[in-house]
């Protein structure tokens, strides 16, 4: 699988390696909020798996990214943007996304 992403440094082509490392079946995710001091919004989901995904750049550079896969999204609002983008209905397929770099993920040992 290959895609292009944009950053402040310009566009970059990346590809996924298929040997994903499953880290946990449950986790707590905390996002930094926009306050002048440290404030985090933390939450957890049931039926969510966390993966570490190896990435390889077109120039051979390597990185790892964390992904969350929500296996049961039947409780999400039917008009959630993820369903529109993926063209799926709630509760039919897992919804996966990369974890933003301003987030912390807590997983059990």
PDB file of N, CA and C in Angstrom:
ATOM      1  N   UNK A   1       0.850  -1.166   0.000  1.00  0.00           N
ATOM      2  CA  UNK A   1       0.000   0.000   0.000  1.00  0.00           C
ATOM      3  C   UNK A   1       0.896   1.229   0.000  1.00  0.00           C
ATOM      4  N   UNK A   2       0.566   2.205  -0.793  1.00  0.00           N
ATOM      5  CA  UNK A   2       1.387   3.408  -0.901  1.00  0.00           C
ATOM      6  C   UNK A   2       0.474   4.627  -0.910  1.00  0.00           C
ATOM      7  N   UNK A   3       0.920   5.704  -0.330  1.00  0.00           N
ATOM      8  CA  UNK A   3       0.155   6.940  -0.351  1.00  0.00           C
ATOM      9  C   UNK A   3       1.108   8.115  -0.275  1.00  0.00           C
ATOM     10  N   UNK A   4       0.570   9.290  -0.560  1.00  0.00           N
ATOM     11  CA  UNK A   4       1.352  10.518  -0.445  1.00  0.00           C
ATOM     12  C   UNK A   4       0.810  11.317   0.714  1.00  0.00           C
ATOM     13  N   UNK A   5       1.725  11.925   1.460  1.00  0.00           N
ATOM     14  CA  UNK A   5       1.300  12.779   2.558  1.00  0.00           C
ATOM     15  C   UNK A   5       2.044  14.094   2.471  1.00  0.00           C
ATOM     16  N   UNK A   6       1.438  15.112   3.044  1.00  0.00           N
ATOM     17  CA  UNK A   6       2.055  16.431   3.029  1.00  0.00           C
ATOM     18  C   UNK A   6       2.484  16.799   4.435  1.00  0.00           C
ATOM     19  N   UNK A   7       3.591  17.496   4.514  1.00  0.00           N
ATOM     20  CA  UNK A   7       4.052  18.022   5.789  1.00  0.00           C
ATOM     21  C   UNK A   7       4.561  19.431   5.536  1.00  0.00           C
ATOM     22  N   UNK A   8       5.082  20.073   6.550  1.00  0.00           N
ATOM     23  CA  UNK A   8       5.621  21.417   6.386  1.00  0.00           C
ATOM     24  C   UNK A   8       6.843  21.406   5.473  1.00  0.00           C
ATOM     25  N   UNK A   9       7.448  20.231   5.302  1.00  0.00           N
ATOM     26  CA  UNK A   9       8.629  20.103   4.450  1.00  0.00           C
ATOM     27  C   UNK A   9       8.274  19.725   3.019  1.00  0.00           C
ATOM     28  N   UNK A  10       7.003  19.557   2.701  1.00  0.00           N
ATOM     29  CA  UNK A  10       6.582  19.198   1.351  1.00  0.00           C
ATOM     30  C   UNK A  10       5.980  17.809   1.295  1.00  0.00           C
ATOM     31  N   UNK A  11       5.740  17.325   0.080  1.00  0.00           N
ATOM     32  CA  UNK A  11       5.101  16.019  -0.109  1.00  0.00           C
ATOM     33  C   UNK A  11       6.132  14.911   0.019  1.00  0.00           C
ATOM     34  N   UNK A  12       5.673  13.752   0.490  1.00  0.00           N
ATOM     35  CA  UNK A  12       6.544  12.600   0.637  1.00  0.00           C
ATOM     36  C   UNK A  12       5.749  11.347   0.339  1.00  0.00           C
ATOM     37  N   UNK A  13       6.323  10.436  -0.443  1.00  0.00           N
ATOM     38  CA  UNK A  13       5.675   9.157  -0.707  1.00  0.00           C
ATOM     39  C   UNK A  13       6.140   8.152   0.336  1.00  0.00           C
ATOM     40  N   UNK A  14       5.211   7.416   0.902  1.00  0.00           N
ATOM     41  CA  UNK A  14       5.522   6.408   1.912  1.00  0.00           C
ATOM     42  C   UNK A  14       4.788   5.132   1.545  1.00  0.00           C
ATOM     43  N   UNK A  15       5.287   4.008   2.008  1.00  0.00           N
ATOM     44  CA  UNK A  15       4.571   2.750   1.841  1.00  0.00           C
ATOM     45  C   UNK A  15       4.545   2.020   3.173  1.00  0.00           C
ATOM     46  N   UNK A  16       3.527   1.197   3.338  1.00  0.00           N
ATOM     47  CA  UNK A  16       3.390   0.399   4.555  1.00  0.00           C
ATOM     48  C   UNK A  16       4.075  -0.938   4.362  1.00  0.00           C
ATOM     49  N   UNK A  17       4.733  -1.404   5.412  1.00  0.00           N
ATOM     50  CA  UNK A  17       5.198  -2.780   5.423  1.00  0.00           C
ATOM     51  C   UNK A  17       4.086  -3.583   6.080  1.00  0.00           C
ATOM     52  N   UNK A  18       3.876  -4.818   5.640  1.00  0.00           N
ATOM     53  CA  UNK A  18       2.709  -5.561   6.089  1.00  0.00           C
ATOM     54  C   UNK A  18       2.892  -6.303   7.400  1.00  0.00           C
ATOM     55  N   UNK A  19       4.037  -6.205   8.024  1.00  0.00           N
ATOM     56  CA  UNK A  19       4.266  -6.886   9.295  1.00  0.00           C
ATOM     57  C   UNK A  19       3.994  -5.931  10.446  1.00  0.00           C
ATOM     58  N   UNK A  20       2.732  -5.674  10.694  1.00  0.00           N
ATOM     59  CA  UNK A  20       2.338  -4.783  11.768  1.00  0.00           C
ATOM     60  C   UNK A  20       2.535  -5.482  13.096  1.00  0.00           C
ATOM     61  N   UNK A  21       2.981  -4.752  14.096  1.00  0.00           N
ATOM     62  CA  UNK A  21       3.162  -5.304  15.432  1.00  0.00           C
ATOM     63  C   UNK A  21       1.984  -4.874  16.302  1.00  0.00           C
ATOM     64  N   UNK A  22       1.181  -5.859  16.711  1.00  0.00           N
ATOM     65  CA  UNK A  22       0.057  -5.532  17.596  1.00  0.00           C
ATOM     66  C   UNK A  22       0.618  -5.250  18.982  1.00  0.00           C
ATOM     67  N   UNK A  23       0.320  -4.075  19.523  1.00  0.00           N
ATOM     68  CA  UNK A  23       0.826  -3.693  20.829  1.00  0.00           C
ATOM     69  C   UNK A  23      -0.142  -4.024  21.952  1.00  0.00           C
ATOM     70  N   UNK A  24      -1.437  -3.832  21.707  1.00  0.00           N
ATOM     71  CA  UNK A  24      -2.402  -4.035  22.786  1.00  0.00           C
ATOM     72  C   UNK A  24      -3.820  -4.121  22.247  1.00  0.00           C
ATOM     73  N   UNK A  25      -4.682  -4.780  23.028  1.00  0.00           N
ATOM     74  CA  UNK A  25      -6.111  -4.842  22.705  1.00  0.00           C
ATOM     75  C   UNK A  25      -6.895  -3.752  23.425  1.00  0.00           C
ATOM     76  N   UNK A  26      -6.237  -3.052  24.335  1.00  0.00           N
ATOM     77  CA  UNK A  26      -6.893  -1.926  25.005  1.00  0.00           C
ATOM     78  C   UNK A  26      -5.843  -0.858  25.269  1.00  0.00           C
ATOM     79  N   UNK A  27      -6.297   0.379  25.330  1.00  0.00           N
ATOM     80  CA  UNK A  27      -5.369   1.489  25.525  1.00  0.00           C
ATOM     81  C   UNK A  27      -6.123   2.716  26.018  1.00  0.00           C
ATOM     82  N   UNK A  28      -5.359   3.677  26.517  1.00  0.00           N
ATOM     83  CA  UNK A  28      -5.880   4.999  26.862  1.00  0.00           C
ATOM     84  C   UNK A  28      -5.091   5.993  26.023  1.00  0.00           C
ATOM     85  N   UNK A  29      -5.800   6.872  25.344  1.00  0.00           N
ATOM     86  CA  UNK A  29      -5.161   7.861  24.482  1.00  0.00           C
ATOM     87  C   UNK A  29      -5.394   9.239  25.078  1.00  0.00           C
ATOM     88  N   UNK A  30      -4.323  10.030  25.142  1.00  0.00           N
ATOM     89  CA  UNK A  30      -4.409  11.391  25.675  1.00  0.00           C
ATOM     90  C   UNK A  30      -3.925  12.377  24.618  1.00  0.00           C
ATOM     91  N   UNK A  31      -4.728  13.407  24.344  1.00  0.00           N
ATOM     92  CA  UNK A  31      -4.399  14.438  23.365  1.00  0.00           C
ATOM     93  C   UNK A  31      -4.129  15.754  24.080  1.00  0.00           C
ATOM     94  N   UNK A  32      -3.077  16.441  23.648  1.00  0.00           N
ATOM     95  CA  UNK A  32      -2.768  17.750  24.216  1.00  0.00           C
ATOM     96  C   UNK A  32      -3.825  18.742  23.762  1.00  0.00           C
ATOM     97  N   UNK A  33      -4.351  19.480  24.716  1.00  0.00           N
ATOM     98  CA  UNK A  33      -5.359  20.496  24.409  1.00  0.00           C
ATOM     99  C   UNK A  33      -4.670  21.844  24.206  1.00  0.00           C
ATOM    100  N   UNK A  34      -5.361  22.750  23.569  1.00  0.00           N
ATOM    101  CA  UNK A  34      -4.805  24.058  23.246  1.00  0.00           C
ATOM    102  C   UNK A  34      -5.023  25.034  24.410  1.00  0.00           C
ATOM    103  N   UNK A  35      -4.178  24.921  25.414  1.00  0.00           N
ATOM    104  CA  UNK A  35      -4.205  25.799  26.591  1.00  0.00           C
ATOM    105  C   UNK A  35      -2.792  26.323  26.815  1.00  0.00           C
ATOM    106  N   UNK A  36      -2.637  27.430  27.554  1.00  0.00           N
ATOM    107  CA  UNK A  36      -1.288  27.957  27.793  1.00  0.00           C
ATOM    108  C   UNK A  36      -0.483  27.106  28.788  1.00  0.00           C
ATOM    109  N   UNK A  37      -1.086  26.075  29.337  1.00  0.00           N
ATOM    110  CA  UNK A  37      -0.411  25.160  30.258  1.00  0.00           C
ATOM    111  C   UNK A  37      -0.800  23.736  29.868  1.00  0.00           C
ATOM    112  N   UNK A  38      -0.150  22.753  30.449  1.00  0.00           N
ATOM    113  CA  UNK A  38      -0.358  21.356  30.040  1.00  0.00           C
ATOM    114  C   UNK A  38      -1.733  20.838  30.469  1.00  0.00           C
ATOM    115  N   UNK A  39      -2.590  20.606  29.493  1.00  0.00           N
ATOM    116  CA  UNK A  39      -3.901  20.012  29.711  1.00  0.00           C
ATOM    117  C   UNK A  39      -4.084  18.933  28.649  1.00  0.00           C
ATOM    118  N   UNK A  40      -4.501  17.752  29.084  1.00  0.00           N
ATOM    119  CA  UNK A  40      -4.702  16.643  28.158  1.00  0.00           C
ATOM    120  C   UNK A  40      -6.121  16.114  28.274  1.00  0.00           C
ATOM    121  N   UNK A  41      -6.698  15.744  27.146  1.00  0.00           N
ATOM    122  CA  UNK A  41      -7.991  15.068  27.102  1.00  0.00           C
ATOM    123  C   UNK A  41      -7.696  13.589  26.872  1.00  0.00           C
ATOM    124  N   UNK A  42      -8.113  12.732  27.804  1.00  0.00           N
ATOM    125  CA  UNK A  42      -7.835  11.302  27.701  1.00  0.00           C
ATOM    126  C   UNK A  42      -9.141  10.523  27.563  1.00  0.00           C
ATOM    127  N   UNK A  43      -9.083   9.451  26.793  1.00  0.00           N
ATOM    128  CA  UNK A  43     -10.255   8.595  26.642  1.00  0.00           C
ATOM    129  C   UNK A  43      -9.818   7.188  26.285  1.00  0.00           C
ATOM    130  N   UNK A  44     -10.743   6.271  26.380  1.00  0.00           N
ATOM    131  CA  UNK A  44     -10.496   4.889  25.992  1.00  0.00           C
ATOM    132  C   UNK A  44     -11.682   4.391  25.186  1.00  0.00           C
ATOM    133  N   UNK A  45     -11.438   3.405  24.351  1.00  0.00           N
ATOM    134  CA  UNK A  45     -12.493   2.753  23.582  1.00  0.00           C
ATOM    135  C   UNK A  45     -12.441   1.262  23.868  1.00  0.00           C
ATOM    136  N   UNK A  46     -13.581   0.634  23.861  1.00  0.00           N
ATOM    137  CA  UNK A  46     -13.580  -0.822  23.920  1.00  0.00           C
ATOM    138  C   UNK A  46     -13.403  -1.341  22.492  1.00  0.00           C
ATOM    139  N   UNK A  47     -12.950  -2.549  22.369  1.00  0.00           N
ATOM    140  CA  UNK A  47     -12.764  -3.198  21.058  1.00  0.00           C
ATOM    141  C   UNK A  47     -11.897  -2.358  20.123  1.00  0.00           C
ATOM    142  N   UNK A  48     -10.779  -1.879  20.654  1.00  0.00           N
ATOM    143  CA  UNK A  48      -9.814  -1.113  19.874  1.00  0.00           C
ATOM    144  C   UNK A  48      -8.442  -1.745  20.035  1.00  0.00           C
ATOM    145  N   UNK A  49      -7.751  -1.961  18.922  1.00  0.00           N
ATOM    146  CA  UNK A  49      -6.397  -2.514  18.953  1.00  0.00           C
ATOM    147  C   UNK A  49      -5.408  -1.437  18.533  1.00  0.00           C
ATOM    148  N   UNK A  50      -4.239  -1.484  19.153  1.00  0.00           N
ATOM    149  CA  UNK A  50      -3.177  -0.536  18.848  1.00  0.00           C
ATOM    150  C   UNK A  50      -2.049  -1.275  18.136  1.00  0.00           C
ATOM    151  N   UNK A  51      -1.573  -0.710  17.035  1.00  0.00           N
ATOM    152  CA  UNK A  51      -0.517  -1.328  16.236  1.00  0.00           C
ATOM    153  C   UNK A  51       0.645  -0.355  16.038  1.00  0.00           C
ATOM    154  N   UNK A  52       1.854  -0.902  15.899  1.00  0.00           N
ATOM    155  CA  UNK A  52       3.017  -0.136  15.454  1.00  0.00           C
ATOM    156  C   UNK A  52       3.253  -0.554  14.002  1.00  0.00           C
ATOM    157  N   UNK A  53       3.278   0.413  13.100  1.00  0.00           N
ATOM    158  CA  UNK A  53       3.351   0.123  11.671  1.00  0.00           C
ATOM    159  C   UNK A  53       4.647   0.669  11.092  1.00  0.00           C
ATOM    160  N   UNK A  54       5.479  -0.211  10.505  1.00  0.00           N
ATOM    161  CA  UNK A  54       6.696   0.260   9.846  1.00  0.00           C
ATOM    162  C   UNK A  54       6.361   0.980   8.541  1.00  0.00           C
ATOM    163  N   UNK A  55       7.019   2.099   8.300  1.00  0.00           N
ATOM    164  CA  UNK A  55       6.840   2.876   7.075  1.00  0.00           C
ATOM    165  C   UNK A  55       8.179   2.980   6.362  1.00  0.00           C
ATOM    166  N   UNK A  56       8.141   2.977   5.038  1.00  0.00           N
ATOM    167  CA  UNK A  56       9.359   3.114   4.244  1.00  0.00           C
ATOM    168  C   UNK A  56       9.133   4.216   3.216  1.00  0.00           C
ATOM    169  N   UNK A  57      10.003   5.215   3.205  1.00  0.00           N
ATOM    170  CA  UNK A  57       9.903   6.315   2.259  1.00  0.00           C
ATOM    171  C   UNK A  57      10.416   5.921   0.891  1.00  0.00           C
ATOM    172  N   UNK A  58      10.018   6.672  -0.125  1.00  0.00           N
ATOM    173  CA  UNK A  58      10.471   6.405  -1.487  1.00  0.00           C
ATOM    174  C   UNK A  58      11.989   6.477  -1.582  1.00  0.00           C
ATOM    175  N   UNK A  59      12.624   7.245  -0.693  1.00  0.00           N
ATOM    176  CA  UNK A  59      14.083   7.366  -0.684  1.00  0.00           C
ATOM    177  C   UNK A  59      14.750   6.313   0.198  1.00  0.00           C
ATOM    178  N   UNK A  60      13.948   5.370   0.749  1.00  0.00           N
ATOM    179  CA  UNK A  60      14.491   4.308   1.601  1.00  0.00           C
ATOM    180  C   UNK A  60      14.497   4.640   3.078  1.00  0.00           C
ATOM    181  N   UNK A  61      14.148   5.870   3.449  1.00  0.00           N
ATOM    182  CA  UNK A  61      14.118   6.231   4.865  1.00  0.00           C
ATOM    183  C   UNK A  61      13.014   5.448   5.565  1.00  0.00           C
ATOM    184  N   UNK A  62      13.226   5.134   6.838  1.00  0.00           N
ATOM    185  CA  UNK A  62      12.274   4.317   7.586  1.00  0.00           C
ATOM    186  C   UNK A  62      11.782   5.055   8.818  1.00  0.00           C
ATOM    187  N   UNK A  63      10.545   4.756   9.184  1.00  0.00           N
ATOM    188  CA  UNK A  63       9.935   5.324  10.383  1.00  0.00           C
ATOM    189  C   UNK A  63       8.898   4.329  10.883  1.00  0.00           C
ATOM    190  N   UNK A  64       8.398   4.572  12.084  1.00  0.00           N
ATOM    191  CA  UNK A  64       7.303   3.767  12.627  1.00  0.00           C
ATOM    192  C   UNK A  64       6.190   4.714  13.040  1.00  0.00           C
ATOM    193  N   UNK A  65       4.956   4.267  12.838  1.00  0.00           N
ATOM    194  CA  UNK A  65       3.794   5.065  13.214  1.00  0.00           C
ATOM    195  C   UNK A  65       2.840   4.197  14.014  1.00  0.00           C
ATOM    196  N   UNK A  66       2.167   4.814  14.964  1.00  0.00           N
ATOM    197  CA  UNK A  66       1.196   4.088  15.769  1.00  0.00           C
ATOM    198  C   UNK A  66      -0.185   4.266  15.152  1.00  0.00           C
ATOM    199  N   UNK A  67      -0.955   3.167  15.152  1.00  0.00           N
ATOM    200  CA  UNK A  67      -2.287   3.180  14.577  1.00  0.00           C
ATOM    201  C   UNK A  67      -3.277   2.583  15.576  1.00  0.00           C
ATOM    202  N   UNK A  68      -4.482   3.089  15.555  1.00  0.00           N
ATOM    203  CA  UNK A  68      -5.569   2.536  16.360  1.00  0.00           C
ATOM    204  C   UNK A  68      -6.632   1.997  15.406  1.00  0.00           C
ATOM    205  N   UNK A  69      -7.074   0.764  15.650  1.00  0.00           N
ATOM    206  CA  UNK A  69      -8.127   0.149  14.841  1.00  0.00           C
ATOM    207  C   UNK A  69      -9.332  -0.138  15.729  1.00  0.00           C
ATOM    208  N   UNK A  70     -10.428   0.515  15.435  1.00  0.00           N
ATOM    209  CA  UNK A  70     -11.665   0.368  16.197  1.00  0.00           C
ATOM    210  C   UNK A  70     -12.511  -0.708  15.522  1.00  0.00           C
ATOM    211  N   UNK A  71     -12.630  -1.873  16.155  1.00  0.00           N
ATOM    212  CA  UNK A  71     -13.306  -2.994  15.502  1.00  0.00           C
ATOM    213  C   UNK A  71     -14.827  -2.927  15.600  1.00  0.00           C
ATOM    214  N   UNK A  72     -15.364  -2.170  16.552  1.00  0.00           N
ATOM    215  CA  UNK A  72     -16.820  -2.053  16.664  1.00  0.00           C
ATOM    216  C   UNK A  72     -17.206  -0.589  16.766  1.00  0.00           C
ATOM    217  N   UNK A  73     -17.637  -0.017  15.681  1.00  0.00           N
ATOM    218  CA  UNK A  73     -18.041   1.389  15.670  1.00  0.00           C
ATOM    219  C   UNK A  73     -19.540   1.527  15.479  1.00  0.00           C
ATOM    220  N   UNK A  74     -20.281   0.504  15.871  1.00  0.00           N
ATOM    221  CA  UNK A  74     -21.736   0.537  15.704  1.00  0.00           C
ATOM    222  C   UNK A  74     -22.381   1.642  16.535  1.00  0.00           C
ATOM    223  N   UNK A  75     -21.710   2.109  17.597  1.00  0.00           N
ATOM    224  CA  UNK A  75     -22.277   3.166  18.438  1.00  0.00           C
ATOM    225  C   UNK A  75     -21.941   4.567  17.928  1.00  0.00           C
ATOM    226  N   UNK A  76     -21.037   4.673  16.952  1.00  0.00           N
ATOM    227  CA  UNK A  76     -20.707   5.996  16.418  1.00  0.00           C
ATOM    228  C   UNK A  76     -21.903   6.551  15.657  1.00  0.00           C
ATOM    229  N   UNK A  77     -21.978   7.861  15.596  1.00  0.00           N
ATOM    230  CA  UNK A  77     -23.043   8.531  14.849  1.00  0.00           C
ATOM    231  C   UNK A  77     -22.944   8.107  13.375  1.00  0.00           C
ATOM    232  N   UNK A  78     -24.055   7.751  12.760  1.00  0.00           N
ATOM    233  CA  UNK A  78     -24.021   7.275  11.365  1.00  0.00           C
ATOM    234  C   UNK A  78     -23.437   8.271  10.369  1.00  0.00           C
ATOM    235  N   UNK A  79     -23.423   9.562  10.729  1.00  0.00           N
ATOM    236  CA  UNK A  79     -22.870  10.571   9.820  1.00  0.00           C
ATOM    237  C   UNK A  79     -21.439  10.970  10.184  1.00  0.00           C
ATOM    238  N   UNK A  80     -20.784  10.159  11.014  1.00  0.00           N
ATOM    239  CA  UNK A  80     -19.384  10.425  11.386  1.00  0.00           C
ATOM    240  C   UNK A  80     -18.541  10.518  10.117  1.00  0.00           C
ATOM    241  N   UNK A  81     -17.584  11.433  10.097  1.00  0.00           N
ATOM    242  CA  UNK A  81     -16.769  11.667   8.904  1.00  0.00           C
ATOM    243  C   UNK A  81     -16.024  10.400   8.451  1.00  0.00           C
ATOM    244  N   UNK A  82     -15.636   9.526   9.373  1.00  0.00           N
ATOM    245  CA  UNK A  82     -14.921   8.301   8.989  1.00  0.00           C
ATOM    246  C   UNK A  82     -15.779   7.431   8.070  1.00  0.00           C
ATOM    247  N   UNK A  83     -17.069   7.338   8.336  1.00  0.00           N
ATOM    248  CA  UNK A  83     -17.954   6.527   7.497  1.00  0.00           C
ATOM    249  C   UNK A  83     -18.123   7.144   6.111  1.00  0.00           C
ATOM    250  N   UNK A  84     -18.161   8.470   6.065  1.00  0.00           N
ATOM    251  CA  UNK A  84     -18.287   9.151   4.775  1.00  0.00           C
ATOM    252  C   UNK A  84     -17.027   8.964   3.935  1.00  0.00           C
ATOM    253  N   UNK A  85     -15.861   9.146   4.557  1.00  0.00           N
ATOM    254  CA  UNK A  85     -14.590   9.018   3.835  1.00  0.00           C
ATOM    255  C   UNK A  85     -14.377   7.594   3.339  1.00  0.00           C
ATOM    256  N   UNK A  86     -14.692   6.610   4.182  1.00  0.00           N
ATOM    257  CA  UNK A  86     -14.484   5.207   3.836  1.00  0.00           C
ATOM    258  C   UNK A  86     -15.643   4.603   3.049  1.00  0.00           C
ATOM    259  N   UNK A  87     -16.762   5.323   2.989  1.00  0.00           N
ATOM    260  CA  UNK A  87     -17.963   4.862   2.299  1.00  0.00           C
ATOM    261  C   UNK A  87     -18.457   3.519   2.866  1.00  0.00           C
ATOM    262  N   UNK A  88     -18.573   3.471   4.209  1.00  0.00           N
ATOM    263  CA  UNK A  88     -19.048   2.271   4.903  1.00  0.00           C
ATOM    264  C   UNK A  88     -20.126   2.674   5.905  1.00  0.00           C
ATOM    265  N   UNK A  89     -20.811   1.683   6.430  1.00  0.00           N
ATOM    266  CA  UNK A  89     -21.852   1.913   7.437  1.00  0.00           C
ATOM    267  C   UNK A  89     -21.321   1.529   8.817  1.00  0.00           C
ATOM    268  N   UNK A  90     -21.867   2.140   9.886  1.00  0.00           N
ATOM    269  CA  UNK A  90     -21.427   1.819  11.243  1.00  0.00           C
ATOM    270  C   UNK A  90     -21.549   0.325  11.538  1.00  0.00           C
ATOM    271  N   UNK A  91     -20.516  -0.238  12.185  1.00  0.00           N
ATOM    272  CA  UNK A  91     -20.549  -1.629  12.611  1.00  0.00           C
ATOM    273  C   UNK A  91     -20.222  -2.645  11.532  1.00  0.00           C
ATOM    274  N   UNK A  92     -19.840  -2.209  10.318  1.00  0.00           N
ATOM    275  CA  UNK A  92     -19.593  -3.176   9.241  1.00  0.00           C
ATOM    276  C   UNK A  92     -18.123  -3.564   9.109  1.00  0.00           C
ATOM    277  N   UNK A  93     -17.206  -2.614   9.253  1.00  0.00           N
ATOM    278  CA  UNK A  93     -15.770  -2.883   9.118  1.00  0.00           C
ATOM    279  C   UNK A  93     -15.002  -2.107  10.188  1.00  0.00           C
ATOM    280  N   UNK A  94     -13.798  -2.570  10.543  1.00  0.00           N
ATOM    281  CA  UNK A  94     -12.977  -1.783  11.478  1.00  0.00           C
ATOM    282  C   UNK A  94     -12.599  -0.435  10.868  1.00  0.00           C
ATOM    283  N   UNK A  95     -12.455   0.557  11.711  1.00  0.00           N
ATOM    284  CA  UNK A  95     -12.011   1.880  11.283  1.00  0.00           C
ATOM    285  C   UNK A  95     -10.645   2.117  11.924  1.00  0.00           C
ATOM    286  N   UNK A  96      -9.618   2.258  11.080  1.00  0.00           N
ATOM    287  CA  UNK A  96      -8.249   2.444  11.569  1.00  0.00           C
ATOM    288  C   UNK A  96      -7.743   3.835  11.189  1.00  0.00           C
ATOM    289  N   UNK A  97      -6.881   4.368  12.041  1.00  0.00           N
ATOM    290  CA  UNK A  97      -6.272   5.671  11.765  1.00  0.00           C
ATOM    291  C   UNK A  97      -4.933   5.756  12.479  1.00  0.00           C
ATOM    292  N   UNK A  98      -4.069   6.615  11.971  1.00  0.00           N
ATOM    293  CA  UNK A  98      -2.809   6.861  12.638  1.00  0.00           C
ATOM    294  C   UNK A  98      -3.050   7.756  13.844  1.00  0.00           C
ATOM    295  N   UNK A  99      -2.241   7.572  14.872  1.00  0.00           N
ATOM    296  CA  UNK A  99      -2.326   8.395  16.075  1.00  0.00           C
ATOM    297  C   UNK A  99      -1.471   9.635  15.841  1.00  0.00           C
ATOM    298  N   UNK A 100      -2.046  10.799  16.086  1.00  0.00           N
ATOM    299  CA  UNK A 100      -1.376  12.074  15.835  1.00  0.00           C
ATOM    300  C   UNK A 100      -0.147  12.219  16.734  1.00  0.00           C
ATOM    301  N   UNK A 101       0.818  12.994  16.279  1.00  0.00           N
ATOM    302  CA  UNK A 101       2.060  13.143  17.041  1.00  0.00           C
ATOM    303  C   UNK A 101       1.900  13.996  18.304  1.00  0.00           C
ATOM    304  N   UNK A 102       0.751  14.605  18.526  1.00  0.00           N
ATOM    305  CA  UNK A 102       0.541  15.344  19.770  1.00  0.00           C
ATOM    306  C   UNK A 102      -0.213  14.498  20.802  1.00  0.00           C
ATOM    307  N   UNK A 103      -0.283  13.195  20.568  1.00  0.00           N
ATOM    308  CA  UNK A 103      -1.010  12.298  21.465  1.00  0.00           C
ATOM    309  C   UNK A 103      -0.052  11.371  22.207  1.00  0.00           C
ATOM    310  N   UNK A 104      -0.504  10.912  23.365  1.00  0.00           N
ATOM    311  CA  UNK A 104       0.205   9.873  24.113  1.00  0.00           C
ATOM    312  C   UNK A 104      -0.724   8.673  24.194  1.00  0.00           C
ATOM    313  N   UNK A 105      -0.170   7.472  24.041  1.00  0.00           N
ATOM    314  CA  UNK A 105      -0.965   6.260  24.134  1.00  0.00           C
ATOM    315  C   UNK A 105      -0.411   5.430  25.283  1.00  0.00           C
ATOM    316  N   UNK A 106      -1.279   5.077  26.202  1.00  0.00           N
ATOM    317  CA  UNK A 106      -0.909   4.247  27.343  1.00  0.00           C
ATOM    318  C   UNK A 106      -1.456   2.844  27.090  1.00  0.00           C
ATOM    319  N   UNK A 107      -0.573   1.858  27.124  1.00  0.00           N
ATOM    320  CA  UNK A 107      -0.991   0.468  26.904  1.00  0.00           C
ATOM    321  C   UNK A 107      -0.480  -0.402  28.049  1.00  0.00           C
ATOM    322  N   UNK A 108      -1.172  -1.528  28.353  1.00  0.00           N
ATOM    323  CA  UNK A 108      -0.698  -2.402  29.418  1.00  0.00           C
ATOM    324  C   UNK A 108       0.570  -3.137  28.991  1.00  0.00           C
ATOM    325  N   UNK A 109       1.347  -3.544  29.987  1.00  0.00           N
ATOM    326  CA  UNK A 109       2.581  -4.294  29.700  1.00  0.00           C
ATOM    327  C   UNK A 109       2.282  -5.619  29.122  1.00  0.00           C
TER     328      UNK A 109
END
